[in-house]
Every structure is written in C-alpha cells, then in structure tokens.
Amino acid sequence: ASVSEPAQKCCKENIQPFLTSILEELMGPVSSGFTEVRSLFDKEVNEIIQDFQKTNDMTRLKENVDQLMTLPFNSVKMEPCYLKVNLLQELLQDLKSRFKVYHIDFVIQRTQNFMQELMENAVYTFEQLFSPSCQADSAKVATTIEKVKLRVLK
C-alpha cells in the first residue's frame, strides 16, 4: 500500500506520457518487417504463376508449390524481412537507457519468430486453398493461383 501510490505517480509522470510515441517508433520497423514478409510471399507466388504460364507443366507446378512450403525456413529468402526488424536494436538502445528496457535481443528474436510464423501460416493456407492435384483444367490454374494468393494476402 505504501509503494503503490508513489509507483503509480512515477508511471503517470515518467512513463505513460511517452508510451504512445514509443509504440509508434517501435511499430515502424515491426510493420516494415511484416510488410516485407507479405511482399516476399507475393513475389514467390507470382514466380510460380509465371513459371506455370511458360511451361504449363502440372508436375513442375506441384514441385514449385512444395518448394513454397519451405519458404519460412529459407533463411536466405527470409533475411530481408528479418533485417527490417534489426532497426529495433537502435531504437531499443535509447529505451534501454531511459526506461531500463532489457533483453533487446529477445524482443527482436521474438518479432522475427512471429514473422516466420506468419509466413508459415501464409504458405500453409495457400497450399490448403490451392491443391494442384485437384485442378483438372490447366487453362484456369494460373487464375486460380492468383485468386488464392489474393485470398491469403487478404
């Protein structure tokens, strides 16, 4: 009881006024990273569509979709997404000194884990909505892939 009132006063005066601006600062790199995940997924699916339109090969399409499923675990392709979040390192250094924020690496790693999880969910949903083996009319496959991609991105 004797600590509660001074602690609340301290939070109200020294922390609460800055929370909105801190959140906005942190959301920049986080949002940028998630936007990069979205762009990567879009690019990869577009490449599948273009390859299928050139080859019209259902076996190759199946291989490309299977390869898409490994995208969340492809560190080379996911690296640009992760790098966007590394900007948090600089932002959190300032917070560390002002507000005693520790475990900066944990915050960055956790954010990158969420990005990988988002990509896992995107490719899984894509595969579930688009089953190449069920496509009888190869003329409609590219259109179907595009529709599924847009549905996943939504």
N, C-alpha and C. Protein backbone atom coordinates (compact mmCIF):
# COMPACT_ATOMS: atom_id res chain seq x y z
N ALA A 1 0.83 -1.20 0.00
CA ALA A 1 0.00 0.00 0.00
C ALA A 1 0.87 1.25 0.00
N SER A 2 1.98 1.22 0.72
CA SER A 2 2.83 2.42 0.80
C SER A 2 3.62 2.64 -0.48
N VAL A 3 3.83 1.61 -1.26
CA VAL A 3 4.60 1.72 -2.51
C VAL A 3 3.69 2.01 -3.70
N SER A 4 2.47 1.57 -3.64
CA SER A 4 1.55 1.67 -4.75
C SER A 4 1.36 3.10 -5.24
N GLU A 5 1.08 4.00 -4.35
CA GLU A 5 0.81 5.39 -4.76
C GLU A 5 2.03 6.05 -5.40
N PRO A 6 3.22 5.97 -4.81
CA PRO A 6 4.39 6.56 -5.47
C PRO A 6 4.72 5.89 -6.81
N ALA A 7 4.51 4.57 -6.89
CA ALA A 7 4.78 3.86 -8.15
C ALA A 7 3.82 4.32 -9.24
N GLN A 8 2.54 4.46 -8.90
CA GLN A 8 1.56 4.92 -9.88
C GLN A 8 1.88 6.34 -10.32
N LYS A 9 2.28 7.18 -9.38
CA LYS A 9 2.63 8.57 -9.71
C LYS A 9 3.85 8.60 -10.63
N CYS A 10 4.83 7.79 -10.32
CA CYS A 10 6.04 7.71 -11.15
C CYS A 10 5.69 7.26 -12.57
N CYS A 11 4.86 6.24 -12.70
CA CYS A 11 4.45 5.75 -14.02
C CYS A 11 3.67 6.82 -14.78
N LYS A 12 2.76 7.49 -14.09
CA LYS A 12 1.95 8.53 -14.73
C LYS A 12 2.79 9.68 -15.24
N GLU A 13 3.81 10.05 -14.48
CA GLU A 13 4.62 11.22 -14.84
C GLU A 13 5.80 10.88 -15.75
N ASN A 14 6.41 9.72 -15.56
CA ASN A 14 7.67 9.42 -16.25
C ASN A 14 7.57 8.40 -17.38
N ILE A 15 6.50 7.65 -17.42
CA ILE A 15 6.40 6.60 -18.44
C ILE A 15 5.18 6.79 -19.34
N GLN A 16 4.02 6.92 -18.77
CA GLN A 16 2.77 6.99 -19.54
C GLN A 16 2.78 8.06 -20.63
N PRO A 17 3.31 9.27 -20.38
CA PRO A 17 3.30 10.28 -21.45
C PRO A 17 4.10 9.87 -22.69
N PHE A 18 5.03 8.94 -22.52
CA PHE A 18 5.90 8.55 -23.63
C PHE A 18 5.46 7.27 -24.33
N LEU A 19 4.50 6.56 -23.78
CA LEU A 19 4.12 5.25 -24.32
C LEU A 19 3.66 5.31 -25.77
N THR A 20 2.84 6.28 -26.11
CA THR A 20 2.33 6.38 -27.48
C THR A 20 3.46 6.61 -28.47
N SER A 21 4.35 7.53 -28.16
CA SER A 21 5.45 7.81 -29.08
C SER A 21 6.43 6.64 -29.17
N ILE A 22 6.63 5.94 -28.05
CA ILE A 22 7.49 4.76 -28.05
C ILE A 22 6.89 3.67 -28.94
N LEU A 23 5.61 3.44 -28.78
CA LEU A 23 4.93 2.43 -29.58
C LEU A 23 5.01 2.77 -31.07
N GLU A 24 4.79 4.02 -31.41
CA GLU A 24 4.88 4.44 -32.81
C GLU A 24 6.28 4.21 -33.36
N GLU A 25 7.30 4.53 -32.57
CA GLU A 25 8.68 4.33 -33.00
C GLU A 25 8.98 2.86 -33.23
N LEU A 26 8.54 2.02 -32.32
CA LEU A 26 8.81 0.59 -32.43
C LEU A 26 8.02 -0.05 -33.56
N MET A 27 6.83 0.46 -33.81
CA MET A 27 5.99 -0.14 -34.84
C MET A 27 6.52 0.09 -36.25
N GLY A 28 7.33 1.11 -36.45
CA GLY A 28 7.90 1.36 -37.78
C GLY A 28 8.67 0.15 -38.30
N PRO A 29 9.73 -0.27 -37.60
CA PRO A 29 10.48 -1.44 -38.08
C PRO A 29 9.66 -2.73 -38.06
N VAL A 30 8.80 -2.90 -37.08
CA VAL A 30 7.99 -4.11 -37.00
C VAL A 30 7.05 -4.18 -38.19
N SER A 31 6.37 -3.09 -38.46
CA SER A 31 5.44 -3.03 -39.59
C SER A 31 6.19 -3.23 -40.91
N SER A 32 7.35 -2.64 -41.01
CA SER A 32 8.17 -2.78 -42.22
C SER A 32 8.57 -4.23 -42.43
N GLY A 33 8.92 -4.92 -41.36
CA GLY A 33 9.28 -6.34 -41.46
C GLY A 33 8.12 -7.20 -41.92
N PHE A 34 6.93 -6.95 -41.36
CA PHE A 34 5.77 -7.73 -41.75
C PHE A 34 5.34 -7.40 -43.19
N THR A 35 5.53 -6.17 -43.61
CA THR A 35 5.25 -5.79 -45.00
C THR A 35 6.20 -6.53 -45.94
N GLU A 36 7.44 -6.68 -45.51
CA GLU A 36 8.42 -7.41 -46.31
C GLU A 36 8.04 -8.89 -46.43
N VAL A 37 7.49 -9.47 -45.37
CA VAL A 37 7.02 -10.86 -45.41
C VAL A 37 5.92 -10.99 -46.45
N ARG A 38 5.00 -10.06 -46.42
CA ARG A 38 3.89 -10.05 -47.38
C ARG A 38 4.41 -9.93 -48.82
N SER A 39 5.35 -9.04 -49.03
CA SER A 39 5.93 -8.83 -50.36
C SER A 39 6.67 -10.08 -50.85
N LEU A 40 7.38 -10.73 -49.95
CA LEU A 40 8.11 -11.94 -50.32
C LEU A 40 7.14 -13.04 -50.74
N PHE A 41 6.09 -13.23 -49.98
CA PHE A 41 5.09 -14.24 -50.32
C PHE A 41 4.48 -13.92 -51.69
N ASP A 42 4.12 -12.68 -51.90
CA ASP A 42 3.53 -12.24 -53.17
C ASP A 42 4.49 -12.51 -54.33
N LYS A 43 5.75 -12.17 -54.15
CA LYS A 43 6.76 -12.37 -55.20
C LYS A 43 6.93 -13.85 -55.52
N GLU A 44 7.01 -14.66 -54.49
CA GLU A 44 7.21 -16.10 -54.70
C GLU A 44 6.03 -16.73 -55.44
N VAL A 45 4.83 -16.36 -55.08
CA VAL A 45 3.65 -16.92 -55.75
C VAL A 45 3.57 -16.40 -57.19
N ASN A 46 3.92 -15.15 -57.40
CA ASN A 46 3.94 -14.62 -58.77
C ASN A 46 4.92 -15.39 -59.64
N GLU A 47 6.06 -15.78 -59.07
CA GLU A 47 7.03 -16.58 -59.83
C GLU A 47 6.46 -17.95 -60.18
N ILE A 48 5.69 -18.52 -59.28
CA ILE A 48 5.04 -19.81 -59.56
C ILE A 48 4.06 -19.64 -60.72
N ILE A 49 3.28 -18.57 -60.69
CA ILE A 49 2.31 -18.31 -61.76
C ILE A 49 3.03 -18.15 -63.09
N GLN A 50 4.07 -17.32 -63.11
CA GLN A 50 4.81 -17.08 -64.36
C GLN A 50 5.43 -18.35 -64.90
N ASP A 51 6.01 -19.16 -64.01
CA ASP A 51 6.63 -20.42 -64.44
C ASP A 51 5.57 -21.35 -65.03
N PHE A 52 4.41 -21.42 -64.40
CA PHE A 52 3.36 -22.30 -64.91
C PHE A 52 2.85 -21.80 -66.27
N GLN A 53 2.71 -20.50 -66.41
CA GLN A 53 2.24 -19.96 -67.68
C GLN A 53 3.22 -20.25 -68.82
N LYS A 54 4.51 -20.32 -68.50
CA LYS A 54 5.52 -20.64 -69.52
C LYS A 54 5.54 -22.12 -69.85
N THR A 55 5.44 -22.96 -68.81
CA THR A 55 5.63 -24.40 -69.01
C THR A 55 4.35 -25.20 -69.12
N ASN A 56 3.29 -24.75 -68.46
CA ASN A 56 2.02 -25.48 -68.41
C ASN A 56 2.23 -26.92 -67.91
N ASP A 57 3.21 -27.08 -67.03
CA ASP A 57 3.60 -28.39 -66.52
C ASP A 57 3.07 -28.55 -65.09
N MET A 58 2.09 -29.46 -64.93
CA MET A 58 1.46 -29.67 -63.62
C MET A 58 2.44 -30.29 -62.61
N THR A 59 3.34 -31.14 -63.07
CA THR A 59 4.32 -31.74 -62.17
C THR A 59 5.26 -30.67 -61.61
N ARG A 60 5.70 -29.81 -62.49
CA ARG A 60 6.58 -28.71 -62.07
C ARG A 60 5.84 -27.75 -61.14
N LEU A 61 4.58 -27.53 -61.41
CA LEU A 61 3.77 -26.69 -60.54
C LEU A 61 3.71 -27.28 -59.14
N LYS A 62 3.49 -28.57 -59.05
CA LYS A 62 3.46 -29.25 -57.74
C LYS A 62 4.80 -29.09 -57.02
N GLU A 63 5.90 -29.23 -57.76
CA GLU A 63 7.23 -29.05 -57.17
C GLU A 63 7.42 -27.62 -56.66
N ASN A 64 6.95 -26.64 -57.44
CA ASN A 64 7.07 -25.24 -57.05
C ASN A 64 6.25 -24.93 -55.80
N VAL A 65 5.06 -25.51 -55.72
CA VAL A 65 4.22 -25.31 -54.52
C VAL A 65 4.87 -25.99 -53.32
N ASP A 66 5.44 -27.17 -53.52
CA ASP A 66 6.16 -27.84 -52.43
C ASP A 66 7.35 -27.00 -51.97
N GLN A 67 8.03 -26.39 -52.91
CA GLN A 67 9.16 -25.53 -52.58
C GLN A 67 8.68 -24.28 -51.83
N LEU A 68 7.52 -23.77 -52.20
CA LEU A 68 6.95 -22.61 -51.50
C LEU A 68 6.74 -22.94 -50.02
N MET A 69 6.38 -24.18 -49.75
CA MET A 69 6.12 -24.60 -48.36
C MET A 69 7.37 -24.50 -47.49
N THR A 70 8.54 -24.51 -48.10
CA THR A 70 9.79 -24.40 -47.34
C THR A 70 10.24 -22.96 -47.15
N LEU A 71 9.52 -22.03 -47.74
CA LEU A 71 9.90 -20.61 -47.69
C LEU A 71 10.14 -20.08 -46.27
N PRO A 72 9.28 -20.38 -45.30
CA PRO A 72 9.52 -19.84 -43.95
C PRO A 72 10.84 -20.29 -43.33
N PHE A 73 11.39 -21.39 -43.83
CA PHE A 73 12.62 -21.96 -43.27
C PHE A 73 13.84 -21.65 -44.14
N ASN A 74 13.62 -20.86 -45.20
CA ASN A 74 14.71 -20.48 -46.10
C ASN A 74 15.31 -19.17 -45.57
N SER A 75 16.39 -19.28 -44.83
CA SER A 75 16.97 -18.11 -44.16
C SER A 75 17.47 -17.07 -45.15
N VAL A 76 17.91 -17.49 -46.33
CA VAL A 76 18.40 -16.53 -47.33
C VAL A 76 17.25 -15.66 -47.83
N LYS A 77 16.12 -16.28 -48.14
CA LYS A 77 14.98 -15.51 -48.65
C LYS A 77 14.29 -14.70 -47.56
N MET A 78 14.30 -15.21 -46.35
CA MET A 78 13.64 -14.51 -45.24
C MET A 78 14.52 -13.39 -44.65
N GLU A 79 15.80 -13.42 -44.95
CA GLU A 79 16.75 -12.46 -44.37
C GLU A 79 16.33 -11.00 -44.55
N PRO A 80 15.88 -10.56 -45.74
CA PRO A 80 15.47 -9.15 -45.88
C PRO A 80 14.34 -8.78 -44.92
N CYS A 81 13.46 -9.73 -44.63
CA CYS A 81 12.37 -9.48 -43.68
C CYS A 81 12.95 -9.26 -42.28
N TYR A 82 13.86 -10.13 -41.92
CA TYR A 82 14.47 -10.06 -40.59
C TYR A 82 15.30 -8.79 -40.42
N LEU A 83 15.96 -8.37 -41.47
CA LEU A 83 16.81 -7.18 -41.38
C LEU A 83 16.01 -5.92 -41.08
N LYS A 84 14.78 -5.86 -41.56
CA LYS A 84 13.93 -4.70 -41.28
C LYS A 84 13.71 -4.54 -39.78
N VAL A 85 13.61 -5.65 -39.08
CA VAL A 85 13.35 -5.62 -37.65
C VAL A 85 14.62 -5.30 -36.85
N ASN A 86 15.77 -5.52 -37.46
CA ASN A 86 17.02 -5.23 -36.76
C ASN A 86 17.16 -3.75 -36.42
N LEU A 87 16.40 -2.89 -37.07
CA LEU A 87 16.41 -1.47 -36.73
C LEU A 87 15.93 -1.24 -35.30
N LEU A 88 15.21 -2.22 -34.77
CA LEU A 88 14.76 -2.12 -33.38
C LEU A 88 15.95 -2.04 -32.42
N GLN A 89 17.07 -2.62 -32.83
CA GLN A 89 18.27 -2.62 -31.98
C GLN A 89 18.63 -1.19 -31.58
N GLU A 90 18.65 -0.29 -32.55
CA GLU A 90 18.99 1.11 -32.28
C GLU A 90 17.90 1.79 -31.44
N LEU A 91 16.65 1.57 -31.81
CA LEU A 91 15.55 2.21 -31.09
C LEU A 91 15.49 1.74 -29.64
N LEU A 92 15.71 0.45 -29.45
CA LEU A 92 15.62 -0.09 -28.10
C LEU A 92 16.80 0.30 -27.22
N GLN A 93 17.93 0.65 -27.84
CA GLN A 93 19.08 1.11 -27.05
C GLN A 93 18.71 2.38 -26.30
N ASP A 94 18.01 3.28 -26.97
CA ASP A 94 17.57 4.52 -26.32
C ASP A 94 16.59 4.21 -25.19
N LEU A 95 15.69 3.30 -25.44
CA LEU A 95 14.72 2.91 -24.41
C LEU A 95 15.41 2.22 -23.23
N LYS A 96 16.44 1.50 -23.55
CA LYS A 96 17.17 0.79 -22.50
C LYS A 96 17.73 1.77 -21.47
N SER A 97 18.29 2.85 -21.95
CA SER A 97 18.86 3.83 -21.03
C SER A 97 17.78 4.65 -20.33
N ARG A 98 16.72 4.99 -21.04
CA ARG A 98 15.67 5.83 -20.45
C ARG A 98 14.73 5.08 -19.52
N PHE A 99 14.37 3.84 -19.91
CA PHE A 99 13.33 3.12 -19.16
C PHE A 99 13.80 1.76 -18.63
N LYS A 100 15.07 1.50 -18.72
CA LYS A 100 15.62 0.24 -18.22
C LYS A 100 15.01 -0.97 -18.92
N VAL A 101 14.87 -0.86 -20.26
CA VAL A 101 14.38 -1.98 -21.07
C VAL A 101 15.55 -2.93 -21.32
N TYR A 102 15.40 -4.17 -20.90
CA TYR A 102 16.45 -5.15 -21.07
C TYR A 102 16.00 -6.22 -22.06
N HIS A 103 16.91 -7.08 -22.39
CA HIS A 103 16.61 -8.21 -23.29
C HIS A 103 16.18 -7.73 -24.67
N ILE A 104 16.92 -6.79 -25.21
CA ILE A 104 16.63 -6.24 -26.54
C ILE A 104 16.67 -7.35 -27.59
N ASP A 105 17.66 -8.20 -27.50
CA ASP A 105 17.78 -9.29 -28.47
C ASP A 105 16.57 -10.22 -28.43
N PHE A 106 16.01 -10.42 -27.24
CA PHE A 106 14.82 -11.25 -27.10
C PHE A 106 13.63 -10.63 -27.85
N VAL A 107 13.47 -9.31 -27.74
CA VAL A 107 12.37 -8.62 -28.43
C VAL A 107 12.53 -8.78 -29.94
N ILE A 108 13.74 -8.60 -30.43
CA ILE A 108 13.99 -8.72 -31.87
C ILE A 108 13.78 -10.16 -32.33
N GLN A 109 14.33 -11.10 -31.58
CA GLN A 109 14.18 -12.51 -31.94
C GLN A 109 12.72 -12.94 -31.93
N ARG A 110 11.98 -12.50 -30.96
CA ARG A 110 10.56 -12.84 -30.85
C ARG A 110 9.79 -12.27 -32.04
N THR A 111 10.12 -11.05 -32.42
CA THR A 111 9.46 -10.43 -33.58
C THR A 111 9.77 -11.23 -34.84
N GLN A 112 11.03 -11.63 -35.00
CA GLN A 112 11.41 -12.43 -36.16
C GLN A 112 10.72 -13.79 -36.15
N ASN A 113 10.53 -14.35 -34.98
CA ASN A 113 9.80 -15.62 -34.88
C ASN A 113 8.35 -15.45 -35.34
N PHE A 114 7.74 -14.33 -34.95
CA PHE A 114 6.37 -14.06 -35.40
C PHE A 114 6.32 -13.89 -36.91
N MET A 115 7.35 -13.29 -37.48
CA MET A 115 7.40 -13.11 -38.93
C MET A 115 7.48 -14.48 -39.63
N GLN A 116 8.31 -15.37 -39.10
CA GLN A 116 8.41 -16.70 -39.67
C GLN A 116 7.09 -17.45 -39.52
N GLU A 117 6.45 -17.29 -38.38
CA GLU A 117 5.16 -17.94 -38.14
C GLU A 117 4.10 -17.42 -39.11
N LEU A 118 4.12 -16.13 -39.37
CA LEU A 118 3.18 -15.55 -40.33
C LEU A 118 3.40 -16.15 -41.72
N MET A 119 4.66 -16.30 -42.12
CA MET A 119 4.96 -16.90 -43.42
C MET A 119 4.53 -18.36 -43.44
N GLU A 120 4.76 -19.08 -42.35
CA GLU A 120 4.31 -20.47 -42.27
C GLU A 120 2.80 -20.56 -42.47
N ASN A 121 2.07 -19.68 -41.81
CA ASN A 121 0.62 -19.67 -41.93
C ASN A 121 0.18 -19.32 -43.35
N ALA A 122 0.89 -18.38 -43.97
CA ALA A 122 0.53 -17.97 -45.33
C ALA A 122 0.72 -19.11 -46.32
N VAL A 123 1.88 -19.78 -46.28
CA VAL A 123 2.12 -20.86 -47.24
C VAL A 123 1.24 -22.07 -46.96
N TYR A 124 0.96 -22.34 -45.69
CA TYR A 124 0.07 -23.45 -45.35
C TYR A 124 -1.35 -23.17 -45.88
N THR A 125 -1.82 -21.96 -45.64
CA THR A 125 -3.16 -21.58 -46.11
C THR A 125 -3.22 -21.65 -47.64
N PHE A 126 -2.16 -21.17 -48.29
CA PHE A 126 -2.09 -21.22 -49.74
C PHE A 126 -2.22 -22.67 -50.21
N GLU A 127 -1.44 -23.55 -49.61
CA GLU A 127 -1.48 -24.95 -50.03
C GLU A 127 -2.85 -25.57 -49.80
N GLN A 128 -3.48 -25.23 -48.68
CA GLN A 128 -4.79 -25.80 -48.37
C GLN A 128 -5.86 -25.30 -49.35
N LEU A 129 -5.77 -24.03 -49.73
CA LEU A 129 -6.78 -23.49 -50.64
C LEU A 129 -6.53 -23.87 -52.09
N PHE A 130 -5.28 -24.13 -52.42
CA PHE A 130 -4.95 -24.50 -53.79
C PHE A 130 -4.29 -25.86 -53.81
N SER A 131 -5.00 -26.81 -54.30
CA SER A 131 -4.44 -28.15 -54.42
C SER A 131 -4.24 -28.44 -55.90
N PRO A 132 -3.00 -28.37 -56.38
CA PRO A 132 -2.74 -28.59 -57.81
C PRO A 132 -3.25 -29.93 -58.32
N SER A 133 -3.27 -30.92 -57.46
CA SER A 133 -3.72 -32.24 -57.91
C SER A 133 -5.21 -32.25 -58.23
N CYS A 134 -5.96 -31.30 -57.69
CA CYS A 134 -7.40 -31.25 -57.93
C CYS A 134 -7.76 -30.41 -59.15
N GLN A 135 -6.78 -29.78 -59.73
CA GLN A 135 -7.05 -28.91 -60.88
C GLN A 135 -7.10 -29.74 -62.15
N ALA A 136 -8.27 -29.83 -62.74
CA ALA A 136 -8.42 -30.60 -63.97
C ALA A 136 -8.12 -29.76 -65.20
N ASP A 137 -8.56 -28.53 -65.20
CA ASP A 137 -8.41 -27.65 -66.36
C ASP A 137 -7.17 -26.77 -66.17
N SER A 138 -6.10 -27.11 -66.89
CA SER A 138 -4.85 -26.37 -66.72
C SER A 138 -4.94 -24.93 -67.23
N ALA A 139 -5.94 -24.63 -68.01
CA ALA A 139 -6.11 -23.26 -68.51
C ALA A 139 -6.52 -22.31 -67.38
N LYS A 140 -7.15 -22.83 -66.37
CA LYS A 140 -7.63 -21.99 -65.27
C LYS A 140 -6.69 -21.98 -64.06
N VAL A 141 -5.61 -22.73 -64.11
CA VAL A 141 -4.72 -22.87 -62.96
C VAL A 141 -4.10 -21.54 -62.55
N ALA A 142 -3.55 -20.79 -63.51
CA ALA A 142 -2.90 -19.52 -63.18
C ALA A 142 -3.89 -18.55 -62.53
N THR A 143 -5.10 -18.51 -63.04
CA THR A 143 -6.14 -17.65 -62.47
C THR A 143 -6.48 -18.11 -61.06
N THR A 144 -6.57 -19.40 -60.87
CA THR A 144 -6.88 -19.95 -59.55
C THR A 144 -5.77 -19.62 -58.55
N ILE A 145 -4.53 -19.77 -58.98
CA ILE A 145 -3.40 -19.44 -58.10
C ILE A 145 -3.47 -17.98 -57.69
N GLU A 146 -3.73 -17.11 -58.63
CA GLU A 146 -3.82 -15.67 -58.34
C GLU A 146 -4.94 -15.39 -57.34
N LYS A 147 -6.08 -16.01 -57.53
CA LYS A 147 -7.20 -15.81 -56.60
C LYS A 147 -6.86 -16.29 -55.20
N VAL A 148 -6.21 -17.44 -55.13
CA VAL A 148 -5.81 -17.98 -53.82
C VAL A 148 -4.79 -17.07 -53.16
N LYS A 149 -3.83 -16.58 -53.95
CA LYS A 149 -2.83 -15.67 -53.42
C LYS A 149 -3.48 -14.43 -52.82
N LEU A 150 -4.41 -13.84 -53.56
CA LEU A 150 -5.10 -12.64 -53.07
C LEU A 150 -5.90 -12.94 -51.81
N ARG A 151 -6.49 -14.11 -51.75
CA ARG A 151 -7.25 -14.52 -50.57
C ARG A 151 -6.33 -14.64 -49.35
N VAL A 152 -5.16 -15.24 -49.55
CA VAL A 152 -4.20 -15.40 -48.45
C VAL A 152 -3.68 -14.03 -48.00
N LEU A 153 -3.39 -13.16 -48.95
CA LEU A 153 -2.86 -11.83 -48.60
C LEU A 153 -3.90 -10.97 -47.90
N LYS A 154 -5.16 -11.27 -48.15
CA LYS A 154 -6.23 -10.51 -47.52
C LYS A 154 -6.19 -10.72 -46.03
